[in-house]
């Protein structure tokens, strides 16, 4: 059951032969699914669009098409469901808002400690100067 209502015109499915082990079934039957989703047709809010692009990474083309390949199962229907479930999971994750970061400043005591440490280090380094015989 999909969480988001993805319009069918935004989806394009292509069945291809899967790679890897599996004997003759792999060579004969096109069970793997390549699900292509035009994300511009999804009508996502800007924050979700940005996050989806970040989450998709190399699975997103320059034209804004998200490519999900599913070949885990031996049947087309199971792989088709797996691809759509993975799309739903990506969309759910993309709609989660990140917590806002609250900018903070160091306190007076922290500033004072930093200056004291710098002075101590400066003293150590100055003590390493050339030895002069007076």
C-alpha atoms as a PDB file:
ATOM      1  CA  UNK A   1       0.000   0.000   0.000  1.00  0.00           C
ATOM      2  CA  UNK A   2       1.746   3.202  -1.115  1.00  0.00           C
ATOM      3  CA  UNK A   3       1.956   6.000   1.420  1.00  0.00           C
ATOM      4  CA  UNK A   4       2.088   8.753  -1.214  1.00  0.00           C
ATOM      5  CA  UNK A   5      -0.272   9.047  -4.145  1.00  0.00           C
ATOM      6  CA  UNK A   6       2.206   8.968  -7.043  1.00  0.00           C
ATOM      7  CA  UNK A   7       0.521   9.722 -10.390  1.00  0.00           C
ATOM      8  CA  UNK A   8       0.886   6.874 -12.905  1.00  0.00           C
ATOM      9  CA  UNK A   9       1.984   9.298 -15.655  1.00  0.00           C
ATOM     10  CA  UNK A  10       5.055  10.143 -13.526  1.00  0.00           C
ATOM     11  CA  UNK A  11       6.107   6.463 -13.509  1.00  0.00           C
ATOM     12  CA  UNK A  12       7.678   4.393 -16.248  1.00  0.00           C
ATOM     13  CA  UNK A  13       8.463   0.717 -15.742  1.00  0.00           C
ATOM     14  CA  UNK A  14      10.848  -1.326 -17.816  1.00  0.00           C
ATOM     15  CA  UNK A  15      11.467  -5.033 -17.289  1.00  0.00           C
ATOM     16  CA  UNK A  16      15.034  -6.189 -17.917  1.00  0.00           C
ATOM     17  CA  UNK A  17      17.022  -9.364 -17.399  1.00  0.00           C
ATOM     18  CA  UNK A  18      18.662  -9.459 -13.981  1.00  0.00           C
ATOM     19  CA  UNK A  19      22.344 -10.102 -13.475  1.00  0.00           C
ATOM     20  CA  UNK A  20      24.063 -12.377 -11.008  1.00  0.00           C
ATOM     21  CA  UNK A  21      23.484 -16.017 -10.087  1.00  0.00           C
ATOM     22  CA  UNK A  22      20.260 -17.810 -10.922  1.00  0.00           C
ATOM     23  CA  UNK A  23      20.973 -20.207 -13.755  1.00  0.00           C
ATOM     24  CA  UNK A  24      18.856 -20.270 -16.902  1.00  0.00           C
ATOM     25  CA  UNK A  25      15.972 -18.346 -15.324  1.00  0.00           C
ATOM     26  CA  UNK A  26      18.144 -15.213 -15.171  1.00  0.00           C
ATOM     27  CA  UNK A  27      19.139 -15.526 -18.813  1.00  0.00           C
ATOM     28  CA  UNK A  28      15.640 -16.212 -20.181  1.00  0.00           C
ATOM     29  CA  UNK A  29      13.201 -14.137 -18.139  1.00  0.00           C
ATOM     30  CA  UNK A  30      13.123 -10.346 -17.729  1.00  0.00           C
ATOM     31  CA  UNK A  31      12.260 -10.213 -14.017  1.00  0.00           C
ATOM     32  CA  UNK A  32      14.234  -7.163 -12.893  1.00  0.00           C
ATOM     33  CA  UNK A  33      12.344  -3.867 -12.822  1.00  0.00           C
ATOM     34  CA  UNK A  34      13.730  -0.457 -13.660  1.00  0.00           C
ATOM     35  CA  UNK A  35      11.300   2.114 -12.258  1.00  0.00           C
ATOM     36  CA  UNK A  36      11.807   5.625 -13.632  1.00  0.00           C
ATOM     37  CA  UNK A  37      10.056   8.461 -11.789  1.00  0.00           C
ATOM     38  CA  UNK A  38       9.804  12.022 -13.102  1.00  0.00           C
ATOM     39  CA  UNK A  39      10.097  13.921  -9.822  1.00  0.00           C
ATOM     40  CA  UNK A  40       8.886  17.181 -11.341  1.00  0.00           C
ATOM     41  CA  UNK A  41       5.442  15.605 -11.800  1.00  0.00           C
ATOM     42  CA  UNK A  42       5.210  14.621  -8.121  1.00  0.00           C
ATOM     43  CA  UNK A  43       4.502  18.188  -6.967  1.00  0.00           C
ATOM     44  CA  UNK A  44       6.825  18.010  -3.972  1.00  0.00           C
ATOM     45  CA  UNK A  45       7.341  20.977  -1.639  1.00  0.00           C
ATOM     46  CA  UNK A  46      10.765  22.645  -2.091  1.00  0.00           C
ATOM     47  CA  UNK A  47      12.291  21.201   1.115  1.00  0.00           C
ATOM     48  CA  UNK A  48      11.239  17.649   0.162  1.00  0.00           C
ATOM     49  CA  UNK A  49      12.499  18.114  -3.408  1.00  0.00           C
ATOM     50  CA  UNK A  50      15.942  19.194  -2.149  1.00  0.00           C
ATOM     51  CA  UNK A  51      16.140  16.334   0.327  1.00  0.00           C
ATOM     52  CA  UNK A  52      15.016  13.784  -2.277  1.00  0.00           C
ATOM     53  CA  UNK A  53      17.773  14.937  -4.626  1.00  0.00           C
ATOM     54  CA  UNK A  54      20.267  14.566  -1.773  1.00  0.00           C
ATOM     55  CA  UNK A  55      18.987  11.096  -0.803  1.00  0.00           C
ATOM     56  CA  UNK A  56      18.832   9.822  -4.385  1.00  0.00           C
ATOM     57  CA  UNK A  57      22.418  10.765  -5.190  1.00  0.00           C
ATOM     58  CA  UNK A  58      23.586   9.035  -8.370  1.00  0.00           C
ATOM     59  CA  UNK A  59      20.161   7.437  -8.898  1.00  0.00           C
ATOM     60  CA  UNK A  60      18.888  10.880 -10.004  1.00  0.00           C
ATOM     61  CA  UNK A  61      19.562  11.966 -13.582  1.00  0.00           C
ATOM     62  CA  UNK A  62      20.242  15.551 -14.656  1.00  0.00           C
ATOM     63  CA  UNK A  63      16.773  15.630 -16.248  1.00  0.00           C
ATOM     64  CA  UNK A  64      15.125  15.028 -12.850  1.00  0.00           C
ATOM     65  CA  UNK A  65      14.355  11.341 -13.326  1.00  0.00           C
ATOM     66  CA  UNK A  66      14.823   9.031 -10.352  1.00  0.00           C
ATOM     67  CA  UNK A  67      15.864   5.508 -11.425  1.00  0.00           C
ATOM     68  CA  UNK A  68      15.173   2.640  -9.024  1.00  0.00           C
ATOM     69  CA  UNK A  69      16.279  -0.845 -10.071  1.00  0.00           C
ATOM     70  CA  UNK A  70      14.864  -3.882  -8.262  1.00  0.00           C
ATOM     71  CA  UNK A  71      16.140  -7.397  -8.984  1.00  0.00           C
ATOM     72  CA  UNK A  72      16.056  -9.019  -5.571  1.00  0.00           C
ATOM     73  CA  UNK A  73      13.203 -11.435  -6.294  1.00  0.00           C
ATOM     74  CA  UNK A  74      12.531 -14.087  -8.958  1.00  0.00           C
ATOM     75  CA  UNK A  75       9.214 -12.671 -10.192  1.00  0.00           C
ATOM     76  CA  UNK A  76       8.338  -9.455 -11.979  1.00  0.00           C
ATOM     77  CA  UNK A  77       5.493  -8.708  -9.592  1.00  0.00           C
ATOM     78  CA  UNK A  78       7.627  -9.057  -6.458  1.00  0.00           C
ATOM     79  CA  UNK A  79      10.357  -6.844  -7.944  1.00  0.00           C
ATOM     80  CA  UNK A  80       7.732  -4.325  -9.080  1.00  0.00           C
ATOM     81  CA  UNK A  81       6.321  -4.117  -5.546  1.00  0.00           C
ATOM     82  CA  UNK A  82       9.844  -3.849  -4.104  1.00  0.00           C
ATOM     83  CA  UNK A  83      10.685  -0.927  -6.416  1.00  0.00           C
ATOM     84  CA  UNK A  84       7.491   0.935  -5.489  1.00  0.00           C
ATOM     85  CA  UNK A  85       8.050   0.284  -1.773  1.00  0.00           C
ATOM     86  CA  UNK A  86      11.575   1.706  -2.081  1.00  0.00           C
ATOM     87  CA  UNK A  87      10.153   4.779  -3.847  1.00  0.00           C
ATOM     88  CA  UNK A  88       7.645   5.240  -1.016  1.00  0.00           C
ATOM     89  CA  UNK A  89      10.409   4.910   1.589  1.00  0.00           C
ATOM     90  CA  UNK A  90      12.466   7.573  -0.213  1.00  0.00           C
ATOM     91  CA  UNK A  91       9.479   9.922  -0.376  1.00  0.00           C
ATOM     92  CA  UNK A  92       8.699   9.425   3.324  1.00  0.00           C
ATOM     93  CA  UNK A  93      12.311  10.163   4.234  1.00  0.00           C
ATOM     94  CA  UNK A  94      12.352  13.219   1.945  1.00  0.00           C
ATOM     95  CA  UNK A  95       9.316  14.683   3.725  1.00  0.00           C
ATOM     96  CA  UNK A  96      10.972  14.486   7.163  1.00  0.00           C
ATOM     97  CA  UNK A  97      12.151  17.929   8.156  1.00  0.00           C
ATOM     98  CA  UNK A  98      15.585  18.309   9.716  1.00  0.00           C
ATOM     99  CA  UNK A  99      15.750  19.896  13.153  1.00  0.00           C
ATOM    100  CA  UNK A 100      16.614  23.569  12.996  1.00  0.00           C
ATOM    101  CA  UNK A 101      20.114  24.352  14.194  1.00  0.00           C
ATOM    102  CA  UNK A 102      20.273  26.994  16.895  1.00  0.00           C
ATOM    103  CA  UNK A 103      23.423  29.072  16.557  1.00  0.00           C
ATOM    104  CA  UNK A 104      25.303  29.408  19.844  1.00  0.00           C
ATOM    105  CA  UNK A 105      28.234  31.512  20.991  1.00  0.00           C
ATOM    106  CA  UNK A 106      30.997  30.562  23.421  1.00  0.00           C
ATOM    107  CA  UNK A 107      30.550  31.907  26.959  1.00  0.00           C
ATOM    108  CA  UNK A 108      32.894  34.299  28.775  1.00  0.00           C
ATOM    109  CA  UNK A 109      34.589  31.501  30.732  1.00  0.00           C
ATOM    110  CA  UNK A 110      35.285  29.533  27.536  1.00  0.00           C
ATOM    111  CA  UNK A 111      36.781  32.626  25.893  1.00  0.00           C
ATOM    112  CA  UNK A 112      38.970  33.268  28.936  1.00  0.00           C
ATOM    113  CA  UNK A 113      40.169  29.624  28.986  1.00  0.00           C
ATOM    114  CA  UNK A 114      41.070  29.864  25.310  1.00  0.00           C
ATOM    115  CA  UNK A 115      43.103  33.044  25.828  1.00  0.00           C
ATOM    116  CA  UNK A 116      44.877  31.519  28.864  1.00  0.00           C
ATOM    117  CA  UNK A 117      45.779  28.393  26.842  1.00  0.00           C
ATOM    118  CA  UNK A 118      47.103  30.555  23.998  1.00  0.00           C
ATOM    119  CA  UNK A 119      49.266  32.557  26.427  1.00  0.00           C
ATOM    120  CA  UNK A 120      50.633  29.379  28.012  1.00  0.00           C
ATOM    121  CA  UNK A 121      51.452  27.903  24.615  1.00  0.00           C
ATOM    122  CA  UNK A 122      53.085  31.175  23.563  1.00  0.00           C
ATOM    123  CA  UNK A 123      55.298  31.060  26.648  1.00  0.00           C
ATOM    124  CA  UNK A 124      56.366  27.483  25.871  1.00  0.00           C
ATOM    125  CA  UNK A 125      57.278  28.411  22.301  1.00  0.00           C
ATOM    126  CA  UNK A 126      59.177  31.542  23.361  1.00  0.00           C
ATOM    127  CA  UNK A 127      61.215  29.415  25.727  1.00  0.00           C
ATOM    128  CA  UNK A 128      62.467  27.432  22.722  1.00  0.00           C
ATOM    129  CA  UNK A 129      64.504  30.347  21.374  1.00  0.00           C
ATOM    130  CA  UNK A 130      68.259  30.157  20.777  1.00  0.00           C
ATOM    131  CA  UNK A 131      70.320  29.900  23.924  1.00  0.00           C
ATOM    132  CA  UNK A 132      72.460  32.992  24.400  1.00  0.00           C
ATOM    133  CA  UNK A 133      75.574  32.926  26.529  1.00  0.00           C
ATOM    134  CA  UNK A 134      75.695  36.315  28.245  1.00  0.00           C
END
